[in-house]
N, C-alpha and C. Protein backbone atom coordinates (compact mmCIF):
# COMPACT_ATOMS: atom_id res chain seq x y z
N MET A 1 135.05 35.86 -22.26
CA MET A 1 135.96 34.93 -22.09
C MET A 1 136.30 35.72 -21.79
N GLY A 2 137.79 35.45 -20.47
CA GLY A 2 139.13 35.69 -20.64
C GLY A 2 140.18 35.72 -21.61
N GLU A 3 141.44 36.90 -21.22
CA GLU A 3 142.44 36.89 -22.19
C GLU A 3 143.31 36.12 -21.34
N ARG A 4 143.10 35.11 -20.47
CA ARG A 4 143.98 33.96 -19.84
C ARG A 4 143.41 33.40 -20.16
N THR A 5 142.21 32.40 -20.23
CA THR A 5 141.68 31.22 -20.09
C THR A 5 142.51 30.47 -20.61
N GLY A 6 142.21 28.84 -20.21
CA GLY A 6 143.22 27.93 -20.38
C GLY A 6 144.42 27.86 -20.28
N LYS A 7 145.01 28.95 -19.62
CA LYS A 7 146.60 29.33 -19.63
C LYS A 7 146.90 28.55 -18.20
N LEU A 8 147.84 27.98 -18.27
CA LEU A 8 148.65 27.46 -16.80
C LEU A 8 148.55 28.82 -15.87
N TYR A 9 148.15 28.76 -14.66
CA TYR A 9 148.70 28.79 -13.73
C TYR A 9 149.54 28.76 -12.60
N MET A 10 150.65 29.86 -12.54
CA MET A 10 151.61 30.02 -11.47
C MET A 10 151.33 31.08 -10.19
N PRO A 11 151.23 30.38 -8.92
CA PRO A 11 150.72 31.56 -7.72
C PRO A 11 152.35 32.28 -8.60
N SER A 12 151.97 33.46 -7.60
CA SER A 12 153.19 34.67 -8.10
C SER A 12 153.86 34.99 -6.63
N ASN A 13 153.19 34.21 -5.20
CA ASN A 13 154.34 34.43 -4.49
C ASN A 13 153.31 33.45 -3.06
N GLY A 14 154.46 33.12 -2.11
CA GLY A 14 153.96 32.19 -0.89
C GLY A 14 152.50 32.64 -1.02
N THR A 15 152.35 33.94 -0.83
CA THR A 15 150.27 34.33 0.13
C THR A 15 149.85 33.57 -1.03
N GLU A 16 150.05 34.22 -2.64
CA GLU A 16 148.61 33.51 -3.11
C GLU A 16 148.41 32.03 -3.16
N GLY A 17 149.75 31.10 -3.20
CA GLY A 17 150.04 30.29 -3.52
C GLY A 17 148.74 29.55 -2.09
N MET A 18 149.38 29.62 -0.81
CA MET A 18 148.46 29.45 0.12
C MET A 18 147.03 29.62 0.29
N TRP A 19 146.89 30.93 -0.43
CA TRP A 19 145.00 30.62 -0.65
C TRP A 19 144.83 30.42 -1.84
N PHE A 20 145.10 29.85 -2.93
CA PHE A 20 144.97 29.02 -3.67
C PHE A 20 144.75 27.11 -3.23
N THR A 21 145.83 27.16 -2.50
CA THR A 21 145.97 25.92 -1.36
C THR A 21 144.34 25.84 -0.59
N ASP A 22 144.51 26.93 0.29
CA ASP A 22 143.20 26.49 0.75
C ASP A 22 142.18 26.49 -0.05
N LYS A 23 141.45 27.21 -0.81
CA LYS A 23 140.77 27.15 -1.57
C LYS A 23 140.03 26.07 -2.01
N PHE A 24 141.43 24.90 -3.01
CA PHE A 24 141.03 24.30 -3.84
C PHE A 24 141.73 22.98 -2.92
N CYS A 25 142.85 22.90 -3.03
CA CYS A 25 143.82 22.02 -2.28
C CYS A 25 142.92 20.86 -1.05
N GLU A 26 142.88 22.10 -0.14
CA GLU A 26 142.78 21.57 1.61
C GLU A 26 140.85 20.97 0.81
N ASN A 27 140.75 21.68 0.41
CA ASN A 27 138.79 20.55 0.16
C ASN A 27 138.83 19.97 -0.84
N CYS A 28 139.56 19.28 -1.23
CA CYS A 28 139.55 18.46 -2.50
C CYS A 28 139.40 17.04 -1.77
N ILE A 29 138.64 15.89 -2.30
CA ILE A 29 138.94 14.95 -2.28
C ILE A 29 141.00 14.05 -2.53
N HIS A 30 141.03 14.55 -3.71
CA HIS A 30 142.25 14.29 -4.10
C HIS A 30 143.62 14.25 -3.00
N GLU A 31 143.14 15.27 -2.31
CA GLU A 31 144.15 15.79 -0.64
C GLU A 31 143.94 15.08 0.35
N LYS A 32 143.13 13.95 -0.43
CA LYS A 32 143.02 13.24 1.29
C LYS A 32 143.86 13.21 2.21
N PHE A 33 145.20 12.84 2.49
CA PHE A 33 145.88 12.59 3.37
C PHE A 33 146.30 13.46 3.98
N MET A 34 145.80 14.54 4.12
CA MET A 34 146.40 15.88 4.59
C MET A 34 145.46 16.15 5.55
N HIS A 35 144.30 15.10 5.24
CA HIS A 35 142.75 15.38 6.51
C HIS A 35 143.14 14.05 7.28
N THR A 36 143.58 13.00 6.48
CA THR A 36 143.48 11.75 7.57
C THR A 36 144.70 11.30 7.99
N GLN A 37 145.75 11.57 7.79
CA GLN A 37 147.50 10.99 7.85
C GLN A 37 147.11 9.37 7.83
N LYS A 38 146.76 8.60 7.43
CA LYS A 38 146.87 7.10 7.24
C LYS A 38 147.58 6.91 6.03
N GLU A 39 148.30 6.23 6.58
CA GLU A 39 149.60 5.54 5.63
C GLU A 39 148.67 5.37 4.06
N GLY A 40 147.94 4.09 4.09
CA GLY A 40 147.16 4.19 2.48
C GLY A 40 146.43 5.17 1.51
N ASP A 41 146.29 6.22 2.86
CA ASP A 41 146.06 7.31 1.89
C ASP A 41 147.02 8.33 0.87
N LYS A 42 146.84 8.14 -0.54
CA LYS A 42 147.90 8.72 -1.32
C LYS A 42 147.75 10.37 -1.27
N LYS A 43 149.39 10.93 -1.26
CA LYS A 43 149.09 12.78 -1.32
C LYS A 43 148.53 12.38 -2.48
N CYS A 44 148.01 14.12 -2.93
CA CYS A 44 147.69 14.93 -4.09
C CYS A 44 149.17 14.66 -5.09
N ASP A 45 149.07 14.58 -6.21
CA ASP A 45 150.05 14.12 -7.24
C ASP A 45 150.21 15.90 -7.59
N ILE A 46 148.70 16.40 -8.17
CA ILE A 46 148.81 17.70 -8.60
C ILE A 46 149.70 18.51 -7.12
N PHE A 47 149.32 18.57 -6.49
CA PHE A 47 149.81 19.66 -5.54
C PHE A 47 151.60 19.10 -5.35
N SER A 48 152.02 17.82 -5.18
CA SER A 48 153.47 17.76 -5.49
C SER A 48 154.03 17.72 -6.52
N ARG A 49 153.36 18.38 -7.66
CA ARG A 49 153.83 18.66 -9.18
C ARG A 49 154.52 19.88 -8.93
N SER A 50 152.96 21.06 -8.11
CA SER A 50 153.27 22.52 -8.38
C SER A 50 154.45 22.73 -7.29
N ILE A 51 154.82 22.11 -6.17
CA ILE A 51 155.80 22.53 -5.11
C ILE A 51 156.90 21.84 -5.91
N LEU A 52 157.06 20.85 -6.89
CA LEU A 52 158.37 20.28 -7.34
C LEU A 52 159.09 21.26 -8.34
N HIS A 53 158.15 22.25 -8.97
CA HIS A 53 158.36 22.28 -10.39
C HIS A 53 157.66 23.37 -10.23
N TRP A 54 157.83 24.20 -9.25
CA TRP A 54 157.02 25.79 -8.89
C TRP A 54 157.64 26.71 -10.20
N TYR A 55 158.90 26.90 -9.98
CA TYR A 55 159.93 27.84 -10.84
C TYR A 55 159.60 27.65 -12.23
N ASP A 56 159.20 27.01 -13.11
CA ASP A 56 158.58 26.47 -14.31
C ASP A 56 157.16 26.01 -14.77
N VAL A 57 156.32 27.20 -15.45
CA VAL A 57 154.99 26.76 -15.43
C VAL A 57 155.35 26.03 -17.16
N LYS A 58 156.76 26.21 -17.11
CA LYS A 58 157.05 25.79 -18.71
C LYS A 58 157.21 24.00 -19.40
N ASN A 59 157.62 23.57 -18.03
CA ASN A 59 158.17 22.29 -17.68
C ASN A 59 157.18 21.35 -17.96
N PRO A 60 157.34 20.18 -18.82
CA PRO A 60 155.94 19.36 -19.13
C PRO A 60 155.16 18.43 -17.44
N ALA A 61 156.49 18.47 -16.38
CA ALA A 61 155.83 17.96 -15.07
C ALA A 61 154.83 19.44 -14.32
N TYR A 62 154.73 20.53 -14.82
CA TYR A 62 153.59 21.31 -14.33
C TYR A 62 152.38 20.86 -14.68
N PRO A 63 152.21 20.76 -13.41
CA PRO A 63 150.43 20.56 -13.24
C PRO A 63 149.94 21.33 -14.04
N GLN A 64 148.90 21.31 -15.28
CA GLN A 64 147.89 21.43 -16.43
C GLN A 64 146.96 21.61 -15.52
N GLU A 65 146.88 21.34 -14.62
CA GLU A 65 145.81 21.19 -13.98
C GLU A 65 144.98 22.34 -13.85
N TRP A 66 145.91 23.53 -12.91
CA TRP A 66 146.21 24.54 -12.76
C TRP A 66 145.76 25.33 -13.95
N ILE A 67 144.96 26.08 -14.26
CA ILE A 67 144.49 26.83 -15.47
C ILE A 67 143.80 28.03 -14.64
N TYR A 68 143.95 29.04 -15.49
CA TYR A 68 143.09 30.42 -15.53
C TYR A 68 141.34 29.82 -15.94
N ASP A 69 140.51 30.25 -15.08
CA ASP A 69 138.57 29.51 -15.86
C ASP A 69 138.44 31.19 -17.02
N GLU A 70 137.45 31.06 -17.32
CA GLU A 70 136.68 32.07 -18.39
C GLU A 70 136.27 32.83 -17.41
N ASN A 71 136.74 33.77 -16.55
CA ASN A 71 136.56 34.59 -15.60
C ASN A 71 137.71 34.81 -15.42
N ASP A 72 138.97 33.98 -15.80
CA ASP A 72 140.39 34.79 -15.64
C ASP A 72 140.72 34.50 -14.19
N GLN A 73 140.03 33.88 -13.76
CA GLN A 73 140.31 33.19 -12.21
C GLN A 73 141.55 31.95 -12.17
N PRO A 74 142.10 31.82 -10.73
CA PRO A 74 143.00 30.44 -11.16
C PRO A 74 141.86 29.10 -10.71
N THR A 75 142.28 28.52 -10.85
CA THR A 75 141.15 27.68 -10.84
C THR A 75 141.86 25.92 -11.06
N CYS A 76 141.62 24.60 -10.29
CA CYS A 76 141.88 23.48 -10.61
C CYS A 76 140.91 22.40 -11.42
N THR A 77 141.21 21.77 -12.48
CA THR A 77 140.60 21.48 -13.07
C THR A 77 140.48 20.04 -12.45
N ALA A 78 140.92 19.54 -11.76
CA ALA A 78 140.78 18.50 -11.26
C ALA A 78 140.41 18.61 -9.53
N PHE A 79 139.20 19.36 -9.04
CA PHE A 79 139.30 20.01 -7.95
C PHE A 79 137.97 19.17 -7.91
N TYR A 80 137.23 18.09 -7.03
CA TYR A 80 136.38 18.04 -6.11
C TYR A 80 136.33 18.09 -4.70
N LYS A 81 134.88 19.28 -4.86
CA LYS A 81 134.91 19.33 -3.50
C LYS A 81 134.48 18.50 -2.04
N TRP A 82 134.95 18.49 -0.77
CA TRP A 82 135.00 17.53 -0.11
C TRP A 82 134.59 17.59 1.25
N ASP A 83 133.81 17.72 1.60
CA ASP A 83 133.35 18.01 3.51
C ASP A 83 133.66 16.99 4.00
N TRP A 84 134.97 17.16 4.80
CA TRP A 84 136.09 16.44 5.61
C TRP A 84 134.87 16.10 6.70
N GLY A 85 134.11 16.93 7.40
CA GLY A 85 133.46 16.62 8.33
C GLY A 85 132.22 15.56 8.69
N SER A 86 131.74 15.15 7.38
CA SER A 86 130.47 14.98 6.99
C SER A 86 130.51 13.72 6.37
N ASN A 87 131.30 13.33 5.20
CA ASN A 87 131.26 12.63 4.47
C ASN A 87 132.10 11.40 4.82
N ASP A 88 131.40 10.31 4.35
CA ASP A 88 132.49 8.94 4.26
C ASP A 88 133.16 8.78 3.50
N ASP A 89 133.86 7.58 2.86
CA ASP A 89 134.77 7.36 1.68
C ASP A 89 134.24 7.66 0.72
N GLU A 90 132.86 7.07 0.63
CA GLU A 90 132.24 6.83 -0.49
C GLU A 90 131.63 8.24 -1.12
N GLY A 91 131.50 9.20 -0.09
CA GLY A 91 130.52 10.20 -0.68
C GLY A 91 129.64 10.29 0.22
N GLY A 92 128.91 9.37 0.72
CA GLY A 92 127.63 9.48 1.33
C GLY A 92 127.97 10.20 2.74
N LEU A 93 127.03 10.74 3.16
CA LEU A 93 126.73 11.20 4.80
C LEU A 93 126.88 10.28 5.89
N ARG A 94 127.89 10.50 6.78
CA ARG A 94 128.04 9.63 7.68
C ARG A 94 126.39 9.62 8.85
N GLU A 95 126.67 8.45 9.15
CA GLU A 95 125.16 8.41 10.29
C GLU A 95 126.02 7.90 11.40
N PRO A 96 124.89 8.84 12.65
CA PRO A 96 125.27 9.22 12.41
C PRO A 96 126.34 10.88 12.59
N PRO A 97 125.88 12.52 11.83
CA PRO A 97 127.06 13.35 11.73
C PRO A 97 127.85 13.20 12.91
N PRO A 98 129.15 13.77 12.60
CA PRO A 98 130.30 13.35 13.79
C PRO A 98 129.86 15.08 14.65
N GLU A 99 129.99 14.78 15.95
CA GLU A 99 129.81 15.42 17.17
C GLU A 99 131.11 16.61 17.33
N PRO A 100 130.36 17.53 17.35
CA PRO A 100 131.15 18.58 17.01
C PRO A 100 132.28 19.15 18.32
N GLU A 101 133.21 19.74 17.77
CA GLU A 101 134.18 19.27 19.17
C GLU A 101 134.01 20.06 20.21
N PRO A 102 134.09 19.86 21.95
CA PRO A 102 133.43 20.96 22.65
C PRO A 102 134.17 22.04 22.63
N PRO A 103 133.88 23.11 23.50
CA PRO A 103 134.77 24.23 23.56
C PRO A 103 135.51 23.76 25.12
N ASP A 104 136.84 24.30 24.59
CA ASP A 104 137.73 23.89 25.92
C ASP A 104 137.06 24.58 26.87
N PRO A 105 136.93 24.08 28.75
CA PRO A 105 136.19 25.03 29.34
C PRO A 105 137.48 26.55 29.42
N ASN A 106 139.15 25.69 29.36
CA ASN A 106 139.79 26.67 30.25
C ASN A 106 139.72 27.91 29.27
N GLN A 107 139.17 27.87 27.34
CA GLN A 107 139.16 29.41 26.74
C GLN A 107 137.97 29.83 27.01
N LEU A 108 138.60 31.35 26.98
CA LEU A 108 137.47 32.47 27.62
C LEU A 108 136.76 32.83 25.61
N CYS A 109 135.78 32.78 25.33
CA CYS A 109 135.62 32.91 24.35
C CYS A 109 134.75 34.84 24.54
N PHE A 110 135.06 35.58 23.56
CA PHE A 110 134.61 36.90 23.53
C PHE A 110 133.57 36.73 22.88
N PRO A 111 132.48 38.01 22.91
CA PRO A 111 132.30 38.15 24.43
C PRO A 111 132.35 37.96 25.49
N PHE A 112 133.09 37.70 26.32
CA PHE A 112 132.55 36.98 27.77
C PHE A 112 132.18 37.73 28.78
N ILE A 113 131.76 37.30 29.73
CA ILE A 113 131.14 37.99 31.35
C ILE A 113 131.98 37.50 32.36
N ILE A 114 132.00 38.84 33.06
CA ILE A 114 132.73 39.32 34.04
C ILE A 114 132.40 37.56 34.91
N ASP A 115 131.80 37.72 35.07
CA ASP A 115 131.31 36.67 36.21
C ASP A 115 131.14 35.25 35.55
N GLU A 116 131.94 34.78 34.68
CA GLU A 116 132.48 33.29 34.23
C GLU A 116 134.09 33.59 34.60
N ILE A 117 134.37 34.45 34.61
CA ILE A 117 135.60 34.52 34.87
C ILE A 117 136.37 34.26 35.95
N GLU A 118 135.35 35.13 37.06
CA GLU A 118 135.42 34.94 38.38
C GLU A 118 135.26 33.43 38.36
N GLU A 119 134.80 32.49 38.39
CA GLU A 119 134.35 31.31 39.09
C GLU A 119 135.50 30.28 38.15
N ASN A 120 136.68 31.03 37.30
CA ASN A 120 137.68 30.26 37.73
C ASN A 120 138.43 30.88 38.91
N SER A 121 138.94 29.38 39.36
CA SER A 121 139.72 29.51 40.55
C SER A 121 141.10 30.48 40.89
N LEU A 122 141.82 29.90 39.57
CA LEU A 122 143.38 30.36 39.84
C LEU A 122 142.75 32.10 39.36
N VAL A 123 141.71 32.53 38.52
CA VAL A 123 142.39 34.16 38.25
C VAL A 123 141.29 34.57 39.58
N LYS A 124 140.63 33.64 40.29
CA LYS A 124 139.55 34.14 41.65
C LYS A 124 140.94 35.00 42.84
N LYS A 125 141.81 34.08 42.66
CA LYS A 125 143.26 33.89 43.37
C LYS A 125 143.98 34.77 43.23
N GLU A 126 144.05 35.22 41.66
CA GLU A 126 144.82 36.29 41.49
C GLU A 126 144.33 37.41 41.64
N LEU A 127 142.68 37.68 41.22
CA LEU A 127 141.97 38.78 41.89
C LEU A 127 141.96 38.86 43.13
N GLN A 128 142.31 37.91 43.95
CA GLN A 128 142.49 38.41 45.90
C GLN A 128 143.69 39.01 46.31
N THR A 129 144.47 38.44 45.13
CA THR A 129 146.10 38.71 46.00
C THR A 129 145.93 40.56 45.85
N VAL A 130 145.96 40.50 44.35
CA VAL A 130 145.71 42.23 44.16
C VAL A 130 145.63 43.47 45.13
């Protein structure tokens, strides 16, 4: 059992805060608005309170859900993992699963093949003028 177990967690800087929100908030059903941008979907109250009261962990409005777990790792006790790509609003899998977005034909992918680049007419014209 860690020495900080159960104590409130507050990120020490912006980078740590971004890591925490990326790990928890952005993958949690409670932050649904972040993914849907629908007017009826609420933003997470926990995340909002952490932003409003970032300077004072002792403030009763600071999220009590952000704590250190038994391994002294920061966690959110309200976290509910959500797969935004394949789950519907009720928690079931979408049927059929969503199609992956096709790659942009103008985007080079590394490693790339020179022959593929030459197929692009703009690149061909540039190579011919050189």
